[in-house]
Amino acid sequence: MAARPGRGAAAAGSTVYKGEPEAAIERFKIALDLAPYDSLAFNSLIGIGCAHFYAGRYREAAHWQERALIEHPSAVWVHRTMCPAYVLAGAAPEARRSLATLREHYPDLTIAEVQQGLPPLPESYRDRMFGRPCAASACRREIRPATSGG
């Protein structure tokens, strides 16, 4: 595995998609231990955040995704999952800050585009992000109205 450190993170990611957040967290942490200086290690931090989101630990999810941004500041796209984590954690100021950063870099982004850009997450995960009521719906007006008449 040392020759291909990203392989461990990919396997961990598939565990999140199968709905096994605890196993995914363990595997992401192993991937980080095996390749702590890998330039793509921030993806494991994001994965840990996604696994915590799936488990309903929204504050913890946002924490890990913030860590990923510290490691890789240009990964602004992580706000598409971090903002809903903050909303569901009841952290409105952090959610607004996250959303503002996302809008600054992607001013025309729609919720449909966010949905299309996500990996094949379990339906219950997507429901929390995009169902009603959900985090993305709470921010829907903030991201961009569906019509230009608005």
C-alpha atoms as a PDB file:
ATOM      1  CA  MET A   1       0.000   0.000   0.000  1.00  0.00           C
ATOM      2  CA  ALA A   2       2.907   2.378   0.561  1.00  0.00           C
ATOM      3  CA  ALA A   3       3.529   2.597  -3.183  1.00  0.00           C
ATOM      4  CA  ARG A   4      -0.063   3.723  -3.755  1.00  0.00           C
ATOM      5  CA  PRO A   5      -1.128   5.730  -0.677  1.00  0.00           C
ATOM      6  CA  GLY A   6      -4.293   7.091  -2.295  1.00  0.00           C
ATOM      7  CA  ARG A   7      -5.603   3.541  -2.596  1.00  0.00           C
ATOM      8  CA  GLY A   8      -6.408   3.395   1.126  1.00  0.00           C
ATOM      9  CA  ALA A   9      -8.420   6.608   0.962  1.00  0.00           C
ATOM     10  CA  ALA A  10     -10.338   5.333  -2.064  1.00  0.00           C
ATOM     11  CA  ALA A  11     -11.250   2.132  -0.222  1.00  0.00           C
ATOM     12  CA  ALA A  12     -12.340   4.151   2.798  1.00  0.00           C
ATOM     13  CA  GLY A  13     -14.499   6.359   0.587  1.00  0.00           C
ATOM     14  CA  SER A  14     -16.337   3.373  -0.792  1.00  0.00           C
ATOM     15  CA  THR A  15     -17.118   2.389   2.809  1.00  0.00           C
ATOM     16  CA  VAL A  16     -18.880   5.732   3.357  1.00  0.00           C
ATOM     17  CA  TYR A  17     -20.886   5.150   0.191  1.00  0.00           C
ATOM     18  CA  LYS A  18     -21.958   1.761   1.548  1.00  0.00           C
ATOM     19  CA  GLY A  19     -23.298   3.463   4.685  1.00  0.00           C
ATOM     20  CA  GLU A  20     -20.591   2.290   7.098  1.00  0.00           C
ATOM     21  CA  PRO A  21     -19.307   5.539   8.649  1.00  0.00           C
ATOM     22  CA  GLU A  22     -17.352   4.039  11.554  1.00  0.00           C
ATOM     23  CA  ALA A  23     -15.441   1.656   9.302  1.00  0.00           C
ATOM     24  CA  ALA A  24     -14.804   4.513   6.880  1.00  0.00           C
ATOM     25  CA  ILE A  25     -13.385   6.749   9.613  1.00  0.00           C
ATOM     26  CA  GLU A  26     -11.055   3.966  10.722  1.00  0.00           C
ATOM     27  CA  ARG A  27      -9.890   3.344   7.149  1.00  0.00           C
ATOM     28  CA  PHE A  28      -9.363   7.046   6.404  1.00  0.00           C
ATOM     29  CA  LYS A  29      -7.267   7.368   9.563  1.00  0.00           C
ATOM     30  CA  ILE A  30      -5.184   4.364   8.527  1.00  0.00           C
ATOM     31  CA  ALA A  31      -4.656   5.949   5.101  1.00  0.00           C
ATOM     32  CA  LEU A  32      -3.479   9.138   6.833  1.00  0.00           C
ATOM     33  CA  ASP A  33      -1.102   7.152   9.047  1.00  0.00           C
ATOM     34  CA  LEU A  34       0.360   5.340   6.030  1.00  0.00           C
ATOM     35  CA  ALA A  35       0.915   8.494   3.983  1.00  0.00           C
ATOM     36  CA  PRO A  36       0.793  11.580   6.230  1.00  0.00           C
ATOM     37  CA  TYR A  37       2.683  13.745   3.726  1.00  0.00           C
ATOM     38  CA  ASP A  38       0.744  12.679   0.662  1.00  0.00           C
ATOM     39  CA  SER A  39      -0.372  15.767  -1.257  1.00  0.00           C
ATOM     40  CA  LEU A  40      -3.849  14.253  -1.490  1.00  0.00           C
ATOM     41  CA  ALA A  41      -4.160  13.432   2.225  1.00  0.00           C
ATOM     42  CA  PHE A  42      -6.662  16.274   2.607  1.00  0.00           C
ATOM     43  CA  ASN A  43      -9.147  14.022   0.791  1.00  0.00           C
ATOM     44  CA  SER A  44      -9.003  11.626   3.746  1.00  0.00           C
ATOM     45  CA  LEU A  45      -9.833  14.524   6.070  1.00  0.00           C
ATOM     46  CA  ILE A  46     -12.822  15.386   3.894  1.00  0.00           C
ATOM     47  CA  GLY A  47     -13.819  11.726   3.888  1.00  0.00           C
ATOM     48  CA  ILE A  48     -13.708  11.596   7.684  1.00  0.00           C
ATOM     49  CA  GLY A  49     -15.957  14.651   7.684  1.00  0.00           C
ATOM     50  CA  CYS A  50     -18.389  12.985   5.294  1.00  0.00           C
ATOM     51  CA  ALA A  51     -18.475   9.860   7.444  1.00  0.00           C
ATOM     52  CA  HIS A  52     -19.277  11.942  10.536  1.00  0.00           C
ATOM     53  CA  PHE A  53     -22.026  13.702   8.542  1.00  0.00           C
ATOM     54  CA  TYR A  54     -23.492  10.339   7.607  1.00  0.00           C
ATOM     55  CA  ALA A  55     -23.431   9.332  11.283  1.00  0.00           C
ATOM     56  CA  GLY A  56     -25.296  12.525  12.230  1.00  0.00           C
ATOM     57  CA  ARG A  57     -22.325  14.169  13.947  1.00  0.00           C
ATOM     58  CA  TYR A  58     -22.570  17.421  12.044  1.00  0.00           C
ATOM     59  CA  ARG A  59     -20.289  19.596  14.169  1.00  0.00           C
ATOM     60  CA  GLU A  60     -17.586  16.916  13.950  1.00  0.00           C
ATOM     61  CA  ALA A  61     -18.152  16.656  10.190  1.00  0.00           C
ATOM     62  CA  ALA A  62     -17.557  20.381   9.750  1.00  0.00           C
ATOM     63  CA  HIS A  63     -14.462  20.218  11.986  1.00  0.00           C
ATOM     64  CA  TRP A  64     -12.779  17.604   9.768  1.00  0.00           C
ATOM     65  CA  GLN A  65     -13.683  19.462   6.616  1.00  0.00           C
ATOM     66  CA  GLU A  66     -12.230  22.667   8.075  1.00  0.00           C
ATOM     67  CA  ARG A  67      -9.022  20.716   8.751  1.00  0.00           C
ATOM     68  CA  ALA A  68      -8.963  19.676   5.102  1.00  0.00           C
ATOM     69  CA  LEU A  69      -9.212  23.319   4.046  1.00  0.00           C
ATOM     70  CA  ILE A  70      -6.292  24.214   6.291  1.00  0.00           C
ATOM     71  CA  GLU A  71      -4.251  21.496   4.575  1.00  0.00           C
ATOM     72  CA  HIS A  72      -5.428  22.426   1.082  1.00  0.00           C
ATOM     73  CA  PRO A  73      -6.921  25.962   0.998  1.00  0.00           C
ATOM     74  CA  SER A  74      -7.722  25.840  -2.719  1.00  0.00           C
ATOM     75  CA  ALA A  75     -10.253  23.007  -2.151  1.00  0.00           C
ATOM     76  CA  VAL A  76     -13.046  25.561  -1.836  1.00  0.00           C
ATOM     77  CA  TRP A  77     -15.520  23.011  -3.186  1.00  0.00           C
ATOM     78  CA  VAL A  78     -15.525  21.323   0.233  1.00  0.00           C
ATOM     79  CA  HIS A  79     -17.939  24.053   1.338  1.00  0.00           C
ATOM     80  CA  ARG A  80     -20.687  22.282  -0.611  1.00  0.00           C
ATOM     81  CA  THR A  81     -20.765  19.650   2.151  1.00  0.00           C
ATOM     82  CA  MET A  82     -19.373  21.737   5.007  1.00  0.00           C
ATOM     83  CA  CYS A  83     -22.132  24.359   4.812  1.00  0.00           C
ATOM     84  CA  PRO A  84     -24.952  21.785   5.258  1.00  0.00           C
ATOM     85  CA  ALA A  85     -22.996  20.240   8.157  1.00  0.00           C
ATOM     86  CA  TYR A  86     -22.906  23.608   9.894  1.00  0.00           C
ATOM     87  CA  VAL A  87     -26.602  24.210   9.193  1.00  0.00           C
ATOM     88  CA  LEU A  88     -27.579  20.841  10.656  1.00  0.00           C
ATOM     89  CA  ALA A  89     -25.282  21.449  13.648  1.00  0.00           C
ATOM     90  CA  GLY A  90     -27.171  24.673  14.350  1.00  0.00           C
ATOM     91  CA  ALA A  91     -24.063  26.768  13.701  1.00  0.00           C
ATOM     92  CA  ALA A  92     -25.655  29.557  11.670  1.00  0.00           C
ATOM     93  CA  PRO A  93     -22.699  32.003  11.652  1.00  0.00           C
ATOM     94  CA  GLU A  94     -20.313  29.297  10.430  1.00  0.00           C
ATOM     95  CA  ALA A  95     -22.856  28.140   7.837  1.00  0.00           C
ATOM     96  CA  ARG A  96     -23.223  31.692   6.525  1.00  0.00           C
ATOM     97  CA  ARG A  97     -19.432  32.092   6.356  1.00  0.00           C
ATOM     98  CA  SER A  98     -19.081  28.777   4.531  1.00  0.00           C
ATOM     99  CA  LEU A  99     -21.845  29.658   2.091  1.00  0.00           C
ATOM    100  CA  ALA A 100     -20.354  33.115   1.454  1.00  0.00           C
ATOM    101  CA  THR A 101     -17.007  31.521   0.592  1.00  0.00           C
ATOM    102  CA  LEU A 102     -18.680  29.051  -1.760  1.00  0.00           C
ATOM    103  CA  ARG A 103     -20.667  31.834  -3.455  1.00  0.00           C
ATOM    104  CA  GLU A 104     -17.568  33.997  -3.790  1.00  0.00           C
ATOM    105  CA  HIS A 105     -15.803  31.298  -5.795  1.00  0.00           C
ATOM    106  CA  TYR A 106     -18.870  29.862  -7.552  1.00  0.00           C
ATOM    107  CA  PRO A 107     -21.380  32.731  -7.843  1.00  0.00           C
ATOM    108  CA  ASP A 108     -23.711  30.897 -10.242  1.00  0.00           C
ATOM    109  CA  LEU A 109     -23.714  27.561  -8.415  1.00  0.00           C
ATOM    110  CA  THR A 110     -27.094  25.884  -8.036  1.00  0.00           C
ATOM    111  CA  ILE A 111     -28.210  23.139  -5.690  1.00  0.00           C
ATOM    112  CA  ALA A 112     -28.756  20.892  -8.719  1.00  0.00           C
ATOM    113  CA  GLU A 113     -25.110  21.361  -9.686  1.00  0.00           C
ATOM    114  CA  VAL A 114     -24.007  20.525  -6.149  1.00  0.00           C
ATOM    115  CA  GLN A 115     -26.106  17.350  -6.280  1.00  0.00           C
ATOM    116  CA  GLN A 116     -24.614  16.338  -9.624  1.00  0.00           C
ATOM    117  CA  GLY A 117     -21.069  16.926  -8.389  1.00  0.00           C
ATOM    118  CA  LEU A 118     -21.278  14.683  -5.339  1.00  0.00           C
ATOM    119  CA  PRO A 119     -20.059  11.109  -5.282  1.00  0.00           C
ATOM    120  CA  PRO A 120     -22.564   8.227  -5.081  1.00  0.00           C
ATOM    121  CA  LEU A 121     -23.593   8.811  -1.474  1.00  0.00           C
ATOM    122  CA  PRO A 122     -26.245   6.747   0.321  1.00  0.00           C
ATOM    123  CA  GLU A 123     -29.800   8.005  -0.155  1.00  0.00           C
ATOM    124  CA  SER A 124     -30.184   8.869   3.542  1.00  0.00           C
ATOM    125  CA  TYR A 125     -27.078  11.100   3.315  1.00  0.00           C
ATOM    126  CA  ARG A 126     -28.444  12.906   0.266  1.00  0.00           C
ATOM    127  CA  ASP A 127     -31.864  13.225   1.901  1.00  0.00           C
ATOM    128  CA  ARG A 128     -30.341  15.139   4.808  1.00  0.00           C
ATOM    129  CA  MET A 129     -28.532  17.461   2.427  1.00  0.00           C
ATOM    130  CA  PHE A 130     -31.270  17.968  -0.152  1.00  0.00           C
ATOM    131  CA  GLY A 131     -34.597  16.619   1.151  1.00  0.00           C
ATOM    132  CA  ARG A 132     -37.212  18.715   2.920  1.00  0.00           C
ATOM    133  CA  PRO A 133     -36.443  19.943   5.477  1.00  0.00           C
ATOM    134  CA  CYS A 134     -32.718  19.894   4.898  1.00  0.00           C
ATOM    135  CA  ALA A 135     -29.599  21.984   5.096  1.00  0.00           C
ATOM    136  CA  ALA A 136     -29.440  22.833   1.419  1.00  0.00           C
ATOM    137  CA  SER A 137     -33.111  23.817   1.374  1.00  0.00           C
ATOM    138  CA  ALA A 138     -32.487  26.150   4.298  1.00  0.00           C
ATOM    139  CA  CYS A 139     -29.851  27.904   2.200  1.00  0.00           C
ATOM    140  CA  ARG A 140     -31.689  27.574  -1.124  1.00  0.00           C
ATOM    141  CA  ARG A 141     -32.532  31.287  -1.343  1.00  0.00           C
ATOM    142  CA  GLU A 142     -28.980  32.146  -0.423  1.00  0.00           C
ATOM    143  CA  ILE A 143     -27.348  30.057  -3.140  1.00  0.00           C
ATOM    144  CA  ARG A 144     -29.337  31.173  -6.174  1.00  0.00           C
ATOM    145  CA  PRO A 145     -33.006  31.343  -7.030  1.00  0.00           C
ATOM    146  CA  ALA A 146     -34.168  28.807  -9.603  1.00  0.00           C
ATOM    147  CA  THR A 147     -35.594  31.574 -11.803  1.00  0.00           C
ATOM    148  CA  SER A 148     -33.974  34.807 -12.855  1.00  0.00           C
ATOM    149  CA  GLY A 149     -37.117  36.779 -11.999  1.00  0.00           C
ATOM    150  CA  GLY A 150     -36.477  36.293  -8.394  1.00  0.00           C
END
